[in-house]
Amino acid sequence: MTPSPAGLAPAPADDTAPSAHLLPHIERAMADRRPAREAVDAPFAPLERTAHDLLPGLAALRPALGDTPLVPVPSRAGRGTVWLKAEAANLTGTVKARTAYALLCAAVARAGTARVRLVEYSGGSLAVALAHLCATLGLDLHLAVPHGAPDRLVAALRHDGARVTRGREGTGFLGAMDEAARIAEDEDRYLLLQHCAPEAVAVHRERTGAEITTRLAREHVRPDVFAASVGSAGTLVGVAQALRLRRPDCAAYAVFPAEAPYGDPGAPTGAPRMNGTGGLGHGLRQPLLVPYEADFAFADVTYPQALDAMRLLRRTQRVAVSSSAAGAWLTASRALDEGPRGRHAVAVAAGRGTTEEWADAADH
């Protein structure tokens, strides 16, 4: 496990690495919309009510989101119990359905109209959720995906009616972010910008985290540890806030791929890693996490370790989880197994895993 990086600003770029300034559109967008801490801590419910009034279809979607199972499984060494928040039970099969819903509520509420033209970036799960929700709601959506996104994903997004554009080769996920910001400028679209969206924290604090604390209270369980893999950091920060309202001393771990750690100073690469998570490259840090860095320990998990954990959970517990979920379980297990027996942890299981992840797990 690695400590939290010091400071809040982007790490200085290596003189031999490509400059982040090759991606000017997303730099401008993130600088303009970097949220203040008070915005991140603001409630979601008032924004949601306004959005429901403007677009009643959002209210109709709400019952398909949340109330997902909390599944107890042993830690890796069996010294404690990890409660997996099984987000595959959401609409579209991942935790990102909650985030997509929150982003759409905020876009409609802030625009003051349901007639919004949207653009966003994603490497997979959020794109699937947004395409499905926007197709249901009749919203115009343009998605930017990394250059190496699977053809299967692009075809599925287009089938749901979304326009899809790939980022430039060699720019990784950050390239998709920059492409979305460019499209927003060129096509006069509203950029959802998940990495700067305070509603992505609020919805997980008020819904995902509240569901966890309510269930654990019924079970008379007090969690000692919480772990979640980090994409935009909305789930991590929101759930941690909810847990610490009940258990202030709960240790919280931000899980990153060892191949792309938080504040990764290098240029983005296409190296295999846990899906849906990771540092952005060029020393950039997730804006939703920056104000709360001191509240978390940081843990790294390699892709082979995550694949091993996926296979182990499926073989021993009959539970199928994504690589990022496996990484969260593995991190929570390490924390429990290093301490006294009988302790409890919570880990977010973002989904069941993609076709590509399970193929890699089978080959590993």
Protein backbone atom coordinates (compact mmCIF):
# COMPACT_ATOMS: atom_id res chain seq x y z
CA MET A 1 0.00 0.00 0.00
CA THR A 2 1.25 3.47 -0.85
CA PRO A 3 0.70 6.67 1.12
CA SER A 4 -1.37 9.57 -0.11
CA PRO A 5 0.62 11.79 -2.50
CA ALA A 6 1.62 15.07 -0.93
CA GLY A 7 0.08 18.34 -2.10
CA LEU A 8 -2.96 19.17 -4.16
CA ALA A 9 -1.59 20.45 -7.47
CA PRO A 10 -0.76 18.22 -10.45
CA ALA A 11 2.67 16.61 -10.09
CA PRO A 12 5.37 18.19 -12.28
CA ALA A 13 5.68 16.49 -15.65
CA ASP A 14 8.82 14.61 -16.60
CA ASP A 15 10.68 16.59 -19.27
CA THR A 16 10.89 13.43 -21.39
CA ALA A 17 7.14 12.72 -21.25
CA PRO A 18 4.48 14.18 -23.55
CA SER A 19 2.95 17.30 -22.03
CA ALA A 20 -0.59 17.32 -20.72
CA HIS A 21 -0.89 20.56 -22.73
CA LEU A 22 -1.31 18.37 -25.81
CA LEU A 23 -4.84 17.88 -24.41
CA PRO A 24 -5.96 21.50 -23.98
CA HIS A 25 -9.74 21.02 -24.14
CA ILE A 26 -10.03 18.86 -21.03
CA GLU A 27 -7.51 21.00 -19.16
CA ARG A 28 -9.71 24.06 -19.72
CA ALA A 29 -12.89 22.20 -18.81
CA MET A 30 -11.47 20.81 -15.57
CA ALA A 31 -9.98 24.17 -14.57
CA ASP A 32 -13.31 25.92 -15.20
CA ARG A 33 -15.44 23.37 -13.33
CA ARG A 34 -13.20 22.09 -10.54
CA PRO A 35 -15.68 21.86 -7.65
CA ALA A 36 -15.22 23.52 -4.29
CA ARG A 37 -15.52 21.31 -1.23
CA GLU A 38 -18.83 22.91 -0.22
CA ALA A 39 -20.28 21.94 -3.62
CA VAL A 40 -19.17 18.34 -3.18
CA ASP A 41 -20.75 18.23 0.29
CA ALA A 42 -24.06 19.70 -0.94
CA PRO A 43 -27.15 17.42 -0.93
CA PHE A 44 -28.40 15.64 -4.03
CA ALA A 45 -32.12 15.49 -3.23
CA PRO A 46 -33.01 19.14 -4.14
CA LEU A 47 -31.27 18.82 -7.51
CA GLU A 48 -33.10 15.54 -8.13
CA ARG A 49 -36.52 17.07 -7.35
CA THR A 50 -35.94 19.88 -9.82
CA ALA A 51 -34.84 17.42 -12.51
CA HIS A 52 -37.91 15.23 -11.94
CA ASP A 53 -40.19 18.24 -12.39
CA LEU A 54 -38.51 19.14 -15.68
CA LEU A 55 -38.15 15.59 -17.00
CA PRO A 56 -40.59 13.15 -15.34
CA GLY A 57 -38.95 10.23 -17.13
CA LEU A 58 -36.06 10.53 -14.67
CA ALA A 59 -38.44 9.84 -11.80
CA ALA A 60 -39.69 6.76 -13.64
CA LEU A 61 -36.11 5.43 -13.85
CA ARG A 62 -35.38 5.90 -10.17
CA PRO A 63 -36.89 2.56 -8.95
CA ALA A 64 -34.44 0.60 -11.14
CA LEU A 65 -31.47 2.08 -9.29
CA GLY A 66 -30.18 1.15 -5.87
CA ASP A 67 -31.27 -1.20 -3.09
CA THR A 68 -28.57 -3.57 -4.29
CA PRO A 69 -27.52 -6.58 -2.16
CA LEU A 70 -24.79 -6.46 0.48
CA VAL A 71 -23.14 -9.88 0.31
CA PRO A 72 -20.85 -11.14 3.11
CA VAL A 73 -17.81 -13.16 2.00
CA PRO A 74 -14.67 -14.18 3.88
CA SER A 75 -11.54 -12.09 3.62
CA ARG A 76 -8.77 -13.77 1.66
CA ALA A 77 -7.13 -15.34 4.73
CA GLY A 78 -10.47 -15.88 6.44
CA ARG A 79 -9.75 -13.68 9.46
CA GLY A 80 -12.68 -11.34 8.81
CA THR A 81 -15.74 -10.68 6.67
CA VAL A 82 -15.92 -8.39 3.63
CA TRP A 83 -19.41 -7.15 2.77
CA LEU A 84 -19.57 -6.72 -1.01
CA LYS A 85 -21.99 -4.05 -2.22
CA ALA A 86 -23.15 -5.96 -5.31
CA GLU A 87 -23.83 -3.14 -7.78
CA ALA A 88 -24.45 -5.51 -10.69
CA ALA A 89 -28.09 -5.53 -9.52
CA ASN A 90 -28.51 -1.97 -10.85
CA LEU A 91 -30.01 -1.10 -14.21
CA THR A 92 -27.31 -1.79 -16.88
CA GLY A 93 -25.45 -3.97 -14.39
CA THR A 94 -22.95 -1.63 -12.71
CA VAL A 95 -22.54 1.07 -10.09
CA LYS A 96 -22.17 3.56 -12.95
CA ALA A 97 -25.94 3.51 -13.50
CA ARG A 98 -26.25 5.53 -10.28
CA THR A 99 -23.61 7.98 -11.45
CA ALA A 100 -25.19 8.32 -14.90
CA TYR A 101 -28.57 9.06 -13.32
CA ALA A 102 -27.05 11.70 -11.05
CA LEU A 103 -25.20 13.35 -13.96
CA LEU A 104 -28.41 13.53 -16.00
CA CYS A 105 -30.41 14.95 -13.10
CA ALA A 106 -27.79 17.65 -12.60
CA ALA A 107 -27.59 18.49 -16.32
CA VAL A 108 -31.36 18.91 -16.64
CA ALA A 109 -31.73 20.82 -13.37
CA ARG A 110 -28.90 23.25 -14.17
CA ALA A 111 -30.06 23.78 -17.75
CA GLY A 112 -33.61 24.40 -16.55
CA THR A 113 -34.96 22.32 -19.44
CA ALA A 114 -35.19 18.73 -20.62
CA ARG A 115 -33.96 19.80 -24.07
CA VAL A 116 -30.27 19.34 -23.34
CA ARG A 117 -27.69 18.04 -25.80
CA LEU A 118 -25.07 16.06 -23.93
CA VAL A 119 -21.53 14.79 -24.32
CA GLU A 120 -19.40 12.67 -22.01
CA TYR A 121 -16.35 10.40 -22.01
CA SER A 122 -16.12 6.84 -20.72
CA GLY A 123 -14.11 3.67 -21.10
CA GLY A 124 -17.10 1.37 -20.65
CA SER A 125 -19.66 1.10 -17.85
CA LEU A 126 -20.65 4.76 -17.62
CA ALA A 127 -21.01 4.96 -21.40
CA VAL A 128 -23.33 1.94 -21.39
CA ALA A 129 -25.44 3.42 -18.60
CA LEU A 130 -25.65 6.86 -20.19
CA ALA A 131 -26.53 5.45 -23.62
CA HIS A 132 -29.31 3.33 -22.12
CA LEU A 133 -30.75 6.09 -19.95
CA CYS A 134 -30.57 8.71 -22.69
CA ALA A 135 -32.24 6.35 -25.17
CA THR A 136 -35.05 5.79 -22.67
CA LEU A 137 -35.41 9.52 -22.02
CA GLY A 138 -35.01 10.65 -25.62
CA LEU A 139 -31.90 12.74 -24.89
CA ASP A 140 -29.29 13.55 -27.54
CA LEU A 141 -25.97 12.01 -26.45
CA HIS A 142 -22.48 12.02 -27.97
CA LEU A 143 -19.89 9.78 -26.28
CA ALA A 144 -16.10 9.83 -26.52
CA VAL A 145 -14.27 6.56 -25.79
CA PRO A 146 -10.55 5.73 -25.67
CA HIS A 147 -8.94 4.86 -28.97
CA GLY A 148 -8.58 1.20 -27.96
CA ALA A 149 -12.15 0.70 -26.72
CA PRO A 150 -13.55 -2.70 -27.80
CA ASP A 151 -15.57 -2.71 -31.00
CA ARG A 152 -18.23 -4.62 -29.03
CA LEU A 153 -18.67 -1.60 -26.74
CA VAL A 154 -18.84 0.93 -29.58
CA ALA A 155 -21.45 -1.16 -31.40
CA ALA A 156 -23.59 -1.44 -28.27
CA LEU A 157 -23.49 2.31 -27.65
CA ARG A 158 -24.48 3.08 -31.23
CA HIS A 159 -27.27 0.50 -31.01
CA ASP A 160 -28.72 2.58 -28.16
CA GLY A 161 -28.66 5.67 -30.38
CA ALA A 162 -25.54 7.43 -29.07
CA ARG A 163 -23.01 9.02 -31.37
CA VAL A 164 -19.52 7.65 -30.60
CA THR A 165 -16.11 9.14 -31.28
CA ARG A 166 -12.76 7.58 -30.38
CA GLY A 167 -9.92 9.54 -28.80
CA ARG A 168 -6.57 9.92 -30.50
CA GLU A 169 -4.28 6.91 -30.57
CA GLY A 170 -1.72 6.88 -27.76
CA THR A 171 -3.63 9.23 -25.47
CA GLY A 172 -5.44 6.62 -23.36
CA PHE A 173 -8.44 7.53 -21.24
CA LEU A 174 -7.28 11.14 -20.95
CA GLY A 175 -7.55 11.37 -24.74
CA ALA A 176 -11.22 10.39 -24.56
CA MET A 177 -11.73 13.07 -21.91
CA ASP A 178 -10.10 15.67 -24.17
CA GLU A 179 -12.18 14.56 -27.17
CA ALA A 180 -15.41 14.96 -25.17
CA ALA A 181 -14.38 18.46 -24.09
CA ARG A 182 -13.59 19.36 -27.72
CA ILE A 183 -16.98 18.06 -28.86
CA ALA A 184 -18.67 20.14 -26.16
CA GLU A 185 -17.00 23.26 -27.54
CA ASP A 186 -17.49 22.46 -31.24
CA GLU A 187 -21.08 21.18 -31.04
CA ASP A 188 -22.36 23.40 -28.22
CA ARG A 189 -23.14 20.42 -26.00
CA TYR A 190 -23.27 20.20 -22.21
CA LEU A 191 -20.24 18.26 -20.96
CA LEU A 192 -21.30 16.05 -18.05
CA LEU A 193 -17.67 15.90 -16.82
CA GLN A 194 -17.95 13.11 -14.27
CA HIS A 195 -14.56 13.96 -12.72
CA CYS A 196 -15.80 17.41 -11.64
CA ALA A 197 -19.41 16.49 -10.82
CA PRO A 198 -20.29 17.00 -7.14
CA GLU A 199 -23.57 15.16 -7.69
CA ALA A 200 -21.52 12.00 -8.32
CA VAL A 201 -20.41 12.16 -4.69
CA ALA A 202 -23.77 13.24 -3.29
CA VAL A 203 -25.79 10.42 -4.89
CA HIS A 204 -23.45 7.80 -3.42
CA ARG A 205 -23.46 9.46 -0.01
CA GLU A 206 -27.26 9.71 0.14
CA ARG A 207 -28.10 6.44 -1.63
CA THR A 208 -25.30 3.86 -1.92
CA GLY A 209 -23.70 4.70 1.41
CA ALA A 210 -27.02 5.06 3.20
CA GLU A 211 -28.12 1.64 1.95
CA ILE A 212 -24.91 0.10 3.31
CA THR A 213 -25.17 1.72 6.75
CA THR A 214 -28.85 0.77 7.08
CA ARG A 215 -28.18 -2.89 6.24
CA LEU A 216 -25.14 -3.12 8.53
CA ALA A 217 -27.12 -1.59 11.39
CA ARG A 218 -29.76 -4.31 10.95
CA GLU A 219 -26.98 -6.91 11.11
CA HIS A 220 -25.41 -5.20 14.16
CA VAL A 221 -22.16 -4.85 12.22
CA ARG A 222 -19.70 -1.99 12.72
CA PRO A 223 -17.29 -1.82 9.76
CA ASP A 224 -13.61 -1.33 10.50
CA VAL A 225 -12.52 -0.92 6.85
CA PHE A 226 -13.92 0.40 3.58
CA ALA A 227 -12.35 -0.04 0.14
CA ALA A 228 -13.35 1.05 -3.35
CA SER A 229 -11.49 1.27 -6.64
CA VAL A 230 -11.35 4.79 -8.02
CA GLY A 231 -12.58 6.00 -11.39
CA SER A 232 -13.86 9.54 -10.94
CA ALA A 233 -13.87 9.04 -7.10
CA GLY A 234 -17.57 9.80 -6.64
CA THR A 235 -18.40 6.36 -5.23
CA LEU A 236 -15.33 6.26 -2.98
CA VAL A 237 -15.84 9.68 -1.42
CA GLY A 238 -19.63 9.49 -1.12
CA VAL A 239 -19.76 6.04 0.50
CA ALA A 240 -16.87 6.86 2.84
CA GLN A 241 -18.71 9.98 4.01
CA ALA A 242 -21.86 7.95 4.75
CA LEU A 243 -19.95 5.24 6.62
CA ARG A 244 -18.04 7.73 8.74
CA LEU A 245 -21.25 9.39 9.89
CA ARG A 246 -21.91 6.12 11.74
CA ARG A 247 -18.31 4.94 12.28
CA PRO A 248 -15.86 7.90 12.31
CA ASP A 249 -12.84 5.64 12.80
CA CYS A 250 -13.58 3.40 9.79
CA ALA A 251 -10.34 3.15 7.76
CA ALA A 252 -10.97 4.00 4.09
CA TYR A 253 -8.81 2.82 1.19
CA ALA A 254 -8.67 4.36 -2.29
CA VAL A 255 -7.69 1.52 -4.62
CA PHE A 256 -5.76 2.17 -7.83
CA PRO A 257 -4.09 -0.03 -10.44
CA ALA A 258 -0.37 -0.44 -9.83
CA GLU A 259 -0.05 0.21 -13.58
CA ALA A 260 -1.72 3.66 -13.24
CA PRO A 261 -1.54 4.98 -9.65
CA TYR A 262 -3.11 8.16 -8.32
CA GLY A 263 -1.32 11.21 -9.70
CA ASP A 264 0.56 9.02 -12.20
CA PRO A 265 3.28 11.33 -13.57
CA GLY A 266 3.72 9.45 -16.84
CA ALA A 267 1.80 9.76 -20.08
CA PRO A 268 -1.31 7.54 -20.39
CA THR A 269 -0.65 4.07 -21.79
CA GLY A 270 -2.73 1.14 -22.96
CA ALA A 271 -1.17 -1.26 -20.43
CA PRO A 272 -3.72 -3.80 -19.12
CA ARG A 273 -5.07 -2.85 -15.71
CA MET A 274 -8.21 -3.09 -13.60
CA ASN A 275 -11.13 -1.88 -15.71
CA GLY A 276 -12.82 1.46 -14.97
CA THR A 277 -10.20 2.77 -12.57
CA GLY A 278 -6.81 4.41 -12.50
CA GLY A 279 -4.72 7.54 -12.57
CA LEU A 280 -5.22 9.93 -15.45
CA GLY A 281 -1.57 10.50 -16.35
CA HIS A 282 0.61 13.63 -16.56
CA GLY A 283 0.37 14.05 -12.77
CA LEU A 284 -3.33 14.94 -12.89
CA ARG A 285 -5.43 13.94 -9.90
CA GLN A 286 -9.15 13.27 -9.64
CA PRO A 287 -10.67 16.63 -8.60
CA LEU A 288 -13.38 14.96 -6.50
CA LEU A 289 -10.71 13.22 -4.43
CA VAL A 290 -8.18 16.05 -4.10
CA PRO A 291 -9.98 17.86 -1.20
CA TYR A 292 -10.24 14.59 0.76
CA GLU A 293 -6.80 13.03 0.15
CA ALA A 294 -5.91 13.09 3.84
CA ASP A 295 -9.03 11.04 4.65
CA PHE A 296 -7.83 7.98 2.71
CA ALA A 297 -5.03 5.45 2.58
CA PHE A 298 -3.98 4.60 -0.97
CA ALA A 299 -3.54 1.01 -2.15
CA ASP A 300 -2.22 -0.38 -5.43
CA VAL A 301 -3.33 -3.67 -7.03
CA THR A 302 -1.72 -5.18 -10.12
CA TYR A 303 -3.88 -6.53 -12.91
CA PRO A 304 -2.65 -10.13 -12.39
CA GLN A 305 -3.52 -9.84 -8.68
CA ALA A 306 -7.02 -8.61 -9.55
CA LEU A 307 -7.52 -11.45 -12.06
CA ASP A 308 -6.45 -13.99 -9.44
CA ALA A 309 -8.93 -12.48 -6.97
CA MET A 310 -11.74 -12.60 -9.56
CA ARG A 311 -11.14 -16.29 -10.12
CA LEU A 312 -10.84 -17.03 -6.41
CA LEU A 313 -14.14 -15.34 -5.53
CA ARG A 314 -15.97 -17.13 -8.33
CA ARG A 315 -14.50 -20.51 -7.43
CA THR A 316 -14.89 -20.34 -3.65
CA GLN A 317 -17.87 -18.01 -3.13
CA ARG A 318 -19.81 -18.38 -6.41
CA VAL A 319 -19.57 -14.60 -6.80
CA ALA A 320 -18.65 -13.00 -10.14
CA VAL A 321 -17.12 -9.53 -9.85
CA SER A 322 -15.19 -7.12 -12.06
CA SER A 323 -11.43 -6.64 -11.74
CA SER A 324 -11.92 -3.32 -9.91
CA ALA A 325 -14.27 -5.04 -7.45
CA ALA A 326 -11.76 -7.83 -6.97
CA GLY A 327 -9.11 -5.22 -6.25
CA ALA A 328 -11.34 -3.59 -3.64
CA TRP A 329 -12.03 -6.98 -1.99
CA LEU A 330 -8.33 -7.81 -2.02
CA THR A 331 -7.43 -4.47 -0.40
CA ALA A 332 -10.12 -4.84 2.26
CA SER A 333 -8.92 -8.41 2.90
CA ARG A 334 -5.34 -7.28 3.42
CA ALA A 335 -6.46 -4.71 5.99
CA LEU A 336 -8.60 -7.24 7.88
CA ASP A 337 -6.15 -10.12 7.71
CA GLU A 338 -3.35 -8.03 9.23
CA GLY A 339 -5.44 -7.42 12.38
CA PRO A 340 -7.49 -9.29 14.98
CA ARG A 341 -9.98 -11.93 13.91
CA GLY A 342 -13.68 -11.20 13.52
CA ARG A 343 -13.54 -7.70 12.04
CA HIS A 344 -15.68 -6.46 9.17
CA ALA A 345 -15.06 -4.47 5.99
CA VAL A 346 -17.15 -3.07 3.13
CA ALA A 347 -16.00 -3.18 -0.50
CA VAL A 348 -17.81 -1.85 -3.55
CA ALA A 349 -18.32 -4.52 -6.22
CA ALA A 350 -18.85 -2.24 -9.21
CA GLY A 351 -20.12 -4.99 -11.53
CA ARG A 352 -19.73 -8.60 -12.62
CA GLY A 353 -16.87 -7.93 -15.04
CA THR A 354 -16.64 -7.51 -18.79
CA THR A 355 -16.20 -10.19 -21.42
CA GLU A 356 -12.62 -9.00 -21.91
CA GLU A 357 -11.80 -9.18 -18.18
CA TRP A 358 -13.07 -12.73 -17.83
CA ALA A 359 -11.15 -13.77 -20.94
CA ASP A 360 -7.99 -12.33 -19.35
CA ALA A 361 -8.80 -14.12 -16.07
CA ALA A 362 -9.18 -17.42 -17.92
CA ASP A 363 -5.87 -16.91 -19.76
CA HIS A 364 -3.94 -15.76 -16.67
